[in-house]
Amino acid sequence: MELPAEAPWNVDVSDEDFEKMIVGFQPRDMDDKWAADVEGPTATGDYTITFSRSWTGRKHYILLIKPRVGSESARIARIVWEQDKSGIYVSEEQGKKEAIQLCRGLLDCEIMMLPHHDSAAMDNPYAYVGTPSAREVLGLE
């Protein structure tokens, strides 16, 4: 990642979604634009899921997933996202929306506690017309 940012996140996920998440996703052919690589479990049982572009391997989102402990649900505890999407600034809110869209679309997760958003903008550069560049927003230009 060129301009990564990190934020805490406390999103409960069902046992079914957790199981789907830790399987990840490997592209089957050139039509699959994304990969979801999973590392873990760590000594504490945590997993990381890295969403990257399948052709370039460029990382865009990394989620830290904590497993169920006792009566607590499994959860997405942290997110790291690339703030520079081909020159377009990606805010924390947008990064979280897109990461959830990937979990739902690529990994077939429900993640019921979060609202659904239109995923049409995710791979459509024209959807971001007029959005300032990441370098402008972050004061790097």
C-alpha atoms as a PDB file:
ATOM      1  CA  MET A   1       0.000   0.000   0.000  1.00  0.00           C
ATOM      2  CA  GLU A   2       1.245   3.478  -0.857  1.00  0.00           C
ATOM      3  CA  LEU A   3      -0.877   5.549   1.541  1.00  0.00           C
ATOM      4  CA  PRO A   4      -2.325   3.125   4.102  1.00  0.00           C
ATOM      5  CA  ALA A   5      -4.538   4.188   6.962  1.00  0.00           C
ATOM      6  CA  GLU A   6      -5.729   2.101   9.894  1.00  0.00           C
ATOM      7  CA  ALA A   7      -8.772   2.349  12.112  1.00  0.00           C
ATOM      8  CA  PRO A   8     -10.465   0.289  14.795  1.00  0.00           C
ATOM      9  CA  TRP A   9     -13.689  -1.363  13.826  1.00  0.00           C
ATOM     10  CA  ASN A  10     -16.014  -3.368  16.007  1.00  0.00           C
ATOM     11  CA  VAL A  11     -18.354  -5.233  13.675  1.00  0.00           C
ATOM     12  CA  ASP A  12     -19.854  -8.472  14.925  1.00  0.00           C
ATOM     13  CA  VAL A  13     -20.031 -11.289  12.406  1.00  0.00           C
ATOM     14  CA  SER A  14     -21.996 -14.503  12.618  1.00  0.00           C
ATOM     15  CA  ASP A  15     -20.296 -17.867  12.979  1.00  0.00           C
ATOM     16  CA  GLU A  16     -21.309 -18.609   9.369  1.00  0.00           C
ATOM     17  CA  ASP A  17     -19.730 -15.381   8.092  1.00  0.00           C
ATOM     18  CA  PHE A  18     -16.583 -16.017  10.129  1.00  0.00           C
ATOM     19  CA  GLU A  19     -16.209 -19.458   8.537  1.00  0.00           C
ATOM     20  CA  LYS A  20     -16.658 -17.964   5.055  1.00  0.00           C
ATOM     21  CA  MET A  21     -14.169 -15.180   5.755  1.00  0.00           C
ATOM     22  CA  ILE A  22     -11.336 -17.425   6.896  1.00  0.00           C
ATOM     23  CA  VAL A  23     -11.574 -19.491   3.706  1.00  0.00           C
ATOM     24  CA  GLY A  24     -10.716 -16.459   1.545  1.00  0.00           C
ATOM     25  CA  PHE A  25     -10.982 -16.403  -2.230  1.00  0.00           C
ATOM     26  CA  GLN A  26      -8.571 -17.144  -5.041  1.00  0.00           C
ATOM     27  CA  PRO A  27      -9.391 -15.899  -8.549  1.00  0.00           C
ATOM     28  CA  ARG A  28     -10.523 -18.639 -10.911  1.00  0.00           C
ATOM     29  CA  ASP A  29      -9.903 -16.773 -14.164  1.00  0.00           C
ATOM     30  CA  MET A  30      -9.206 -13.334 -15.651  1.00  0.00           C
ATOM     31  CA  ASP A  31     -12.775 -12.196 -14.924  1.00  0.00           C
ATOM     32  CA  ASP A  32     -12.177 -12.314 -11.160  1.00  0.00           C
ATOM     33  CA  LYS A  33     -10.859  -8.868 -10.228  1.00  0.00           C
ATOM     34  CA  TRP A  34     -10.157  -9.526  -6.550  1.00  0.00           C
ATOM     35  CA  ALA A  35      -8.366 -12.034  -4.328  1.00  0.00           C
ATOM     36  CA  ALA A  36      -8.867 -12.510  -0.584  1.00  0.00           C
ATOM     37  CA  ASP A  37      -5.799 -14.011   1.089  1.00  0.00           C
ATOM     38  CA  VAL A  38      -6.107 -15.239   4.671  1.00  0.00           C
ATOM     39  CA  GLU A  39      -3.374 -15.560   7.277  1.00  0.00           C
ATOM     40  CA  GLY A  40      -3.863 -17.180  10.646  1.00  0.00           C
ATOM     41  CA  PRO A  41      -4.782 -18.208  13.104  1.00  0.00           C
ATOM     42  CA  THR A  42      -2.235 -16.430  15.268  1.00  0.00           C
ATOM     43  CA  ALA A  43      -1.479 -17.618  18.791  1.00  0.00           C
ATOM     44  CA  THR A  44      -4.554 -15.664  19.951  1.00  0.00           C
ATOM     45  CA  GLY A  45      -6.746 -17.143  17.197  1.00  0.00           C
ATOM     46  CA  ASP A  46      -6.883 -13.972  15.086  1.00  0.00           C
ATOM     47  CA  TYR A  47      -6.940 -13.939  11.288  1.00  0.00           C
ATOM     48  CA  THR A  48      -6.108 -11.300   8.716  1.00  0.00           C
ATOM     49  CA  ILE A  49      -7.829 -11.090   5.364  1.00  0.00           C
ATOM     50  CA  THR A  50      -6.076  -9.113   2.646  1.00  0.00           C
ATOM     51  CA  PHE A  51      -8.151  -7.995  -0.340  1.00  0.00           C
ATOM     52  CA  SER A  52      -5.989  -7.266  -3.346  1.00  0.00           C
ATOM     53  CA  ARG A  53      -6.437  -6.828  -7.068  1.00  0.00           C
ATOM     54  CA  SER A  54      -6.017 -10.181  -8.752  1.00  0.00           C
ATOM     55  CA  TRP A  55      -3.982  -8.996 -11.746  1.00  0.00           C
ATOM     56  CA  THR A  56      -1.570  -6.656  -9.971  1.00  0.00           C
ATOM     57  CA  GLY A  57      -1.559  -8.040  -6.445  1.00  0.00           C
ATOM     58  CA  ARG A  58      -1.972  -4.478  -5.143  1.00  0.00           C
ATOM     59  CA  LYS A  59      -3.411  -4.547  -1.624  1.00  0.00           C
ATOM     60  CA  HIS A  60      -6.443  -2.366  -0.921  1.00  0.00           C
ATOM     61  CA  TYR A  61      -7.972  -3.614   2.364  1.00  0.00           C
ATOM     62  CA  ILE A  62      -6.774  -5.695   5.294  1.00  0.00           C
ATOM     63  CA  LEU A  63      -9.211  -6.833   7.977  1.00  0.00           C
ATOM     64  CA  LEU A  64      -8.264  -8.195  11.390  1.00  0.00           C
ATOM     65  CA  ILE A  65     -10.832 -10.823  12.342  1.00  0.00           C
ATOM     66  CA  LYS A  66     -11.197 -12.012  15.933  1.00  0.00           C
ATOM     67  CA  PRO A  67     -12.875 -15.371  16.559  1.00  0.00           C
ATOM     68  CA  ARG A  68     -15.798 -16.036  18.880  1.00  0.00           C
ATOM     69  CA  VAL A  69     -14.745 -16.066  22.544  1.00  0.00           C
ATOM     70  CA  GLY A  70     -17.287 -17.370  25.020  1.00  0.00           C
ATOM     71  CA  SER A  71     -20.508 -15.438  24.507  1.00  0.00           C
ATOM     72  CA  GLU A  72     -18.839 -12.732  22.380  1.00  0.00           C
ATOM     73  CA  SER A  73     -19.367 -12.988  18.625  1.00  0.00           C
ATOM     74  CA  ALA A  74     -16.552 -13.147  16.150  1.00  0.00           C
ATOM     75  CA  ARG A  75     -15.820  -9.654  14.865  1.00  0.00           C
ATOM     76  CA  ILE A  76     -13.930  -7.460  12.480  1.00  0.00           C
ATOM     77  CA  ALA A  77     -11.674  -5.605  14.917  1.00  0.00           C
ATOM     78  CA  ARG A  78      -9.531  -3.399  12.630  1.00  0.00           C
ATOM     79  CA  ILE A  79      -9.248  -2.259   9.053  1.00  0.00           C
ATOM     80  CA  VAL A  80      -6.281  -1.052   7.058  1.00  0.00           C
ATOM     81  CA  TRP A  81      -7.121   0.497   3.690  1.00  0.00           C
ATOM     82  CA  GLU A  82      -5.360   2.172   0.803  1.00  0.00           C
ATOM     83  CA  GLN A  83      -6.314   5.846   0.782  1.00  0.00           C
ATOM     84  CA  ASP A  84      -5.074   6.345  -2.784  1.00  0.00           C
ATOM     85  CA  LYS A  85      -7.294   4.561  -5.300  1.00  0.00           C
ATOM     86  CA  SER A  86      -5.613   5.468  -8.589  1.00  0.00           C
ATOM     87  CA  GLY A  87      -5.317   9.082  -7.444  1.00  0.00           C
ATOM     88  CA  ILE A  88      -8.742   9.243  -5.770  1.00  0.00           C
ATOM     89  CA  TYR A  89      -8.964   9.721  -2.008  1.00  0.00           C
ATOM     90  CA  VAL A  90     -10.669   6.893  -0.091  1.00  0.00           C
ATOM     91  CA  SER A  91     -11.955   7.986   3.315  1.00  0.00           C
ATOM     92  CA  GLU A  92     -12.334   5.667   6.290  1.00  0.00           C
ATOM     93  CA  GLU A  93     -16.084   5.503   5.687  1.00  0.00           C
ATOM     94  CA  GLN A  94     -15.624   4.642   2.008  1.00  0.00           C
ATOM     95  CA  GLY A  95     -12.901   2.110   2.769  1.00  0.00           C
ATOM     96  CA  LYS A  96     -15.182   0.338   5.229  1.00  0.00           C
ATOM     97  CA  LYS A  97     -18.076   0.326   2.756  1.00  0.00           C
ATOM     98  CA  GLU A  98     -15.909  -1.177   0.036  1.00  0.00           C
ATOM     99  CA  ALA A  99     -14.379  -3.789   2.344  1.00  0.00           C
ATOM    100  CA  ILE A 100     -17.853  -4.934   3.375  1.00  0.00           C
ATOM    101  CA  GLN A 101     -18.955  -5.024  -0.277  1.00  0.00           C
ATOM    102  CA  LEU A 102     -16.022  -7.348  -0.969  1.00  0.00           C
ATOM    103  CA  CYS A 103     -16.921  -9.558   2.005  1.00  0.00           C
ATOM    104  CA  ARG A 104     -20.480  -9.786   0.740  1.00  0.00           C
ATOM    105  CA  GLY A 105     -19.772 -10.146  -2.963  1.00  0.00           C
ATOM    106  CA  LEU A 106     -16.571 -12.166  -2.951  1.00  0.00           C
ATOM    107  CA  LEU A 107     -16.926 -14.241   0.219  1.00  0.00           C
ATOM    108  CA  ASP A 108     -20.734 -14.494   0.261  1.00  0.00           C
ATOM    109  CA  CYS A 109     -21.007 -13.045   3.790  1.00  0.00           C
ATOM    110  CA  GLU A 110     -24.153 -11.430   5.175  1.00  0.00           C
ATOM    111  CA  ILE A 111     -22.743  -9.125   7.887  1.00  0.00           C
ATOM    112  CA  MET A 112     -26.262  -8.327   8.991  1.00  0.00           C
ATOM    113  CA  MET A 113     -25.426  -5.509  11.405  1.00  0.00           C
ATOM    114  CA  LEU A 114     -24.251  -3.195   8.584  1.00  0.00           C
ATOM    115  CA  PRO A 115     -26.385  -1.506   5.920  1.00  0.00           C
ATOM    116  CA  HIS A 116     -26.158  -2.483   2.280  1.00  0.00           C
ATOM    117  CA  HIS A 117     -24.623   0.026  -0.155  1.00  0.00           C
ATOM    118  CA  ASP A 118     -24.663   0.230  -3.914  1.00  0.00           C
ATOM    119  CA  SER A 119     -21.503  -1.490  -5.107  1.00  0.00           C
ATOM    120  CA  ALA A 120     -21.655   0.048  -8.603  1.00  0.00           C
ATOM    121  CA  ALA A 121     -19.061   2.713  -7.743  1.00  0.00           C
ATOM    122  CA  MET A 122     -16.444   0.292  -6.529  1.00  0.00           C
ATOM    123  CA  ASP A 123     -14.912  -0.517  -9.918  1.00  0.00           C
ATOM    124  CA  ASN A 124     -16.276   2.511 -11.774  1.00  0.00           C
ATOM    125  CA  PRO A 125     -13.758   5.389 -11.917  1.00  0.00           C
ATOM    126  CA  TYR A 126     -16.453   7.753 -13.233  1.00  0.00           C
ATOM    127  CA  ALA A 127     -18.353   7.395  -9.962  1.00  0.00           C
ATOM    128  CA  TYR A 128     -15.615   9.423  -8.252  1.00  0.00           C
ATOM    129  CA  VAL A 129     -15.544  12.376 -10.676  1.00  0.00           C
ATOM    130  CA  GLY A 130     -14.905  15.574  -8.733  1.00  0.00           C
ATOM    131  CA  THR A 131     -13.431  13.737  -5.749  1.00  0.00           C
ATOM    132  CA  PRO A 132     -10.132  15.269  -4.608  1.00  0.00           C
ATOM    133  CA  SER A 133      -6.977  13.243  -4.964  1.00  0.00           C
ATOM    134  CA  ALA A 134      -5.607  11.379  -1.983  1.00  0.00           C
ATOM    135  CA  ARG A 135      -2.431  13.459  -2.062  1.00  0.00           C
ATOM    136  CA  GLU A 136      -4.448  16.700  -1.987  1.00  0.00           C
ATOM    137  CA  VAL A 137      -6.591  15.577   0.953  1.00  0.00           C
ATOM    138  CA  LEU A 138      -3.593  14.350   2.913  1.00  0.00           C
ATOM    139  CA  GLY A 139      -1.552  17.497   2.155  1.00  0.00           C
ATOM    140  CA  LEU A 140       1.115  15.653   0.179  1.00  0.00           C
ATOM    141  CA  GLU A 141       0.819  17.892  -2.924  1.00  0.00           C
END
